[in-house]
Amino acid sequence: MTETAQQYTQRLLGNVAGKDARRVQRATPQKLALLMKRLNPKELGKRPGPGKWSVTEILAHLADSELAVSWRLRSTLACDGIALQAYDQDVWASTFQYAKSHSKTSLERFRVLREANLALLKTVPKMLLDNYGMHAERGKETVAHLTNMVAGHDLNHLRQVETIVKSARARKR
């Protein structure tokens, strides 16, 4: 069963409820790097089940998602009320061959983009955090809301990677 845009939003916001979204975002690249060290290249590329992404694919997705977030943040900060295009993550995964990507390269791309986005958010006047874009699927999203969504997205994928690592370690026993 596919979740609606509203269900997706609520799930991600639920992940970050009570947490500092920027702190979550700052910590994510390092947490991913530590988790990656626990897996060999074969394990990084192994899918945990049908229709589920491997760690390699998750890392490529995070890098591309951060690229999309970079554009959305800058667009929304510069032009209040701007239209924000959605994208199909599965089409991107297929088109950009996430399964064949290099995990360390994806993580580094994600880390660099994330650092740039967090640096940007530190410099913008607080009043601009209320600027919004009209997401094609989810509707009105302020910069502050987007920041929370990104942190919830991080926590979602960190959980997936943690589960894969635990499963790989259990198989080694």
Protein backbone atom coordinates (compact mmCIF):
# COMPACT_ATOMS: atom_id res chain seq x y z
CA MET A 1 0.00 0.00 0.00
CA THR A 2 1.43 3.34 -1.05
CA GLU A 3 1.25 6.14 1.47
CA THR A 4 -0.25 9.48 0.57
CA ALA A 5 1.78 12.69 0.55
CA GLN A 6 0.09 13.65 3.82
CA GLN A 7 0.94 10.29 5.43
CA TYR A 8 4.55 10.61 4.24
CA THR A 9 4.80 14.10 5.71
CA GLN A 10 3.34 12.98 9.03
CA ARG A 11 5.68 9.98 9.19
CA LEU A 12 8.78 12.11 8.61
CA LEU A 13 7.67 14.82 11.02
CA GLY A 14 6.91 12.10 13.58
CA ASN A 15 10.49 10.85 13.26
CA VAL A 16 11.89 14.23 14.27
CA ALA A 17 9.27 15.25 16.86
CA GLY A 18 11.00 16.61 19.96
CA LYS A 19 14.41 16.71 18.28
CA ASP A 20 16.52 19.58 16.97
CA ALA A 21 16.25 19.21 13.19
CA ARG A 22 19.55 20.89 12.41
CA ARG A 23 21.40 18.83 15.00
CA VAL A 24 19.97 15.67 13.43
CA GLN A 25 21.08 16.88 10.01
CA ARG A 26 24.61 17.72 11.24
CA ALA A 27 25.02 14.26 12.78
CA THR A 28 23.68 12.17 9.90
CA PRO A 29 26.76 12.01 7.62
CA GLN A 30 29.01 10.87 10.47
CA LYS A 31 26.48 8.30 11.68
CA LEU A 32 26.24 6.90 8.16
CA ALA A 33 30.03 6.75 7.87
CA LEU A 34 30.28 4.77 11.12
CA LEU A 35 27.55 2.36 10.02
CA MET A 36 29.20 1.86 6.62
CA LYS A 37 32.44 0.76 8.31
CA ARG A 38 30.60 -2.24 9.74
CA LEU A 39 29.80 -3.62 6.27
CA ASN A 40 31.98 -4.99 3.51
CA PRO A 41 31.38 -3.92 -0.12
CA LYS A 42 29.20 -6.95 -0.83
CA GLU A 43 27.03 -6.23 2.23
CA LEU A 44 26.72 -2.55 1.27
CA GLY A 45 25.24 -3.60 -2.07
CA LYS A 46 22.96 -6.36 -0.78
CA ARG A 47 19.26 -5.58 -0.76
CA PRO A 48 17.54 -6.63 2.47
CA GLY A 49 14.48 -7.86 0.57
CA PRO A 50 12.45 -7.49 -2.60
CA GLY A 51 11.72 -3.86 -3.37
CA LYS A 52 14.04 -2.68 -0.58
CA TRP A 53 17.14 -0.58 -1.15
CA SER A 54 20.66 -1.60 -0.21
CA VAL A 55 22.89 0.72 1.80
CA THR A 56 24.60 1.66 -1.48
CA GLU A 57 21.24 2.69 -2.95
CA ILE A 58 20.19 4.55 0.20
CA LEU A 59 23.41 6.57 0.15
CA ALA A 60 22.96 7.49 -3.52
CA HIS A 61 19.36 8.47 -2.76
CA LEU A 62 20.44 10.66 0.16
CA ALA A 63 23.00 12.42 -2.01
CA ASP A 64 20.41 13.11 -4.72
CA SER A 65 17.79 14.11 -2.16
CA GLU A 66 20.20 16.61 -0.66
CA LEU A 67 20.76 18.03 -4.14
CA ALA A 68 17.00 18.49 -4.53
CA VAL A 69 16.81 20.04 -1.05
CA SER A 70 19.62 22.43 -2.00
CA TRP A 71 17.58 23.71 -4.91
CA ARG A 72 14.33 23.87 -2.93
CA LEU A 73 15.94 25.79 -0.06
CA ARG A 74 17.58 28.34 -2.30
CA SER A 75 14.49 28.75 -4.47
CA THR A 76 12.20 29.23 -1.49
CA LEU A 77 14.54 31.61 0.31
CA ALA A 78 14.94 33.75 -2.79
CA CYS A 79 11.34 33.64 -4.04
CA ASP A 80 8.58 33.27 -1.46
CA GLY A 81 5.68 31.19 -2.81
CA ILE A 82 7.66 29.54 -5.61
CA ALA A 83 6.44 26.28 -7.17
CA LEU A 84 8.52 23.26 -6.10
CA GLN A 85 8.71 20.29 -8.43
CA ALA A 86 8.34 16.79 -7.01
CA TYR A 87 10.40 13.87 -8.29
CA ASP A 88 9.96 10.11 -8.34
CA GLN A 89 12.73 8.60 -6.22
CA ASP A 90 12.32 5.18 -7.85
CA VAL A 91 12.74 6.66 -11.33
CA TRP A 92 15.86 8.49 -10.14
CA ALA A 93 17.20 5.27 -8.56
CA SER A 94 16.73 3.42 -11.84
CA THR A 95 17.83 6.20 -14.17
CA PHE A 96 20.95 7.06 -12.16
CA GLN A 97 21.72 3.41 -11.39
CA TYR A 98 21.92 3.76 -7.62
CA ALA A 99 22.72 0.05 -7.29
CA LYS A 100 25.95 0.58 -9.27
CA SER A 101 27.01 3.73 -7.42
CA HIS A 102 30.02 3.88 -5.14
CA SER A 103 28.97 4.13 -1.49
CA LYS A 104 31.88 6.30 -0.33
CA THR A 105 31.41 8.71 -3.24
CA SER A 106 27.69 9.01 -2.51
CA LEU A 107 28.33 9.61 1.17
CA GLU A 108 30.92 12.29 0.39
CA ARG A 109 28.56 14.03 -2.04
CA PHE A 110 25.82 13.92 0.59
CA ARG A 111 28.18 15.27 3.29
CA VAL A 112 29.40 18.20 1.17
CA LEU A 113 25.89 19.20 0.08
CA ARG A 114 24.59 18.87 3.63
CA GLU A 115 27.36 21.07 5.02
CA ALA A 116 26.60 23.71 2.39
CA ASN A 117 22.88 23.65 3.19
CA LEU A 118 23.44 23.91 6.93
CA ALA A 119 25.91 26.77 6.42
CA LEU A 120 23.32 28.54 4.29
CA LEU A 121 20.63 28.13 6.94
CA LYS A 122 22.95 29.65 9.56
CA THR A 123 23.32 32.83 7.51
CA VAL A 124 19.75 33.59 6.48
CA PRO A 125 17.64 36.04 8.48
CA LYS A 126 15.12 34.24 10.71
CA MET A 127 12.19 35.91 8.96
CA LEU A 128 13.11 34.03 5.75
CA LEU A 129 12.46 30.71 7.50
CA ASP A 130 8.77 31.51 7.01
CA ASN A 131 9.22 31.73 3.23
CA TYR A 132 7.44 28.91 1.54
CA GLY A 133 7.31 26.94 -1.65
CA MET A 134 4.31 25.14 -3.10
CA HIS A 135 5.40 21.52 -3.41
CA ALA A 136 3.66 19.82 -6.34
CA GLU A 137 2.49 16.91 -4.17
CA ARG A 138 2.60 18.13 -0.57
CA GLY A 139 1.46 21.74 -0.90
CA LYS A 140 2.77 24.68 1.11
CA GLU A 141 6.12 24.04 2.79
CA THR A 142 8.05 26.72 4.67
CA VAL A 143 11.83 26.62 4.97
CA ALA A 144 11.39 25.69 8.65
CA HIS A 145 9.04 22.86 7.68
CA LEU A 146 11.45 21.64 5.00
CA THR A 147 14.24 21.59 7.59
CA ASN A 148 12.14 19.29 9.78
CA MET A 149 11.18 17.10 6.83
CA VAL A 150 14.84 16.63 5.90
CA ALA A 151 15.74 15.63 9.46
CA GLY A 152 12.84 13.16 9.55
CA HIS A 153 14.00 11.77 6.19
CA ASP A 154 17.50 11.33 7.63
CA LEU A 155 16.18 9.43 10.64
CA ASN A 156 14.06 7.21 8.40
CA HIS A 157 17.06 6.17 6.31
CA LEU A 158 19.41 5.89 9.29
CA ARG A 159 16.96 3.40 10.78
CA GLN A 160 16.97 1.42 7.53
CA VAL A 161 20.77 1.32 7.44
CA GLU A 162 20.95 0.33 11.13
CA THR A 163 18.56 -2.54 10.44
CA ILE A 164 20.70 -3.74 7.51
CA VAL A 165 23.86 -3.57 9.64
CA LYS A 166 22.23 -5.54 12.47
CA SER A 167 21.01 -8.16 10.03
CA ALA A 168 24.47 -8.51 8.45
CA ARG A 169 26.11 -8.87 11.85
CA ALA A 170 23.58 -11.49 12.90
CA ARG A 171 24.34 -13.54 9.77
CA LYS A 172 28.05 -13.49 10.65
CA ARG A 173 27.43 -15.16 14.00
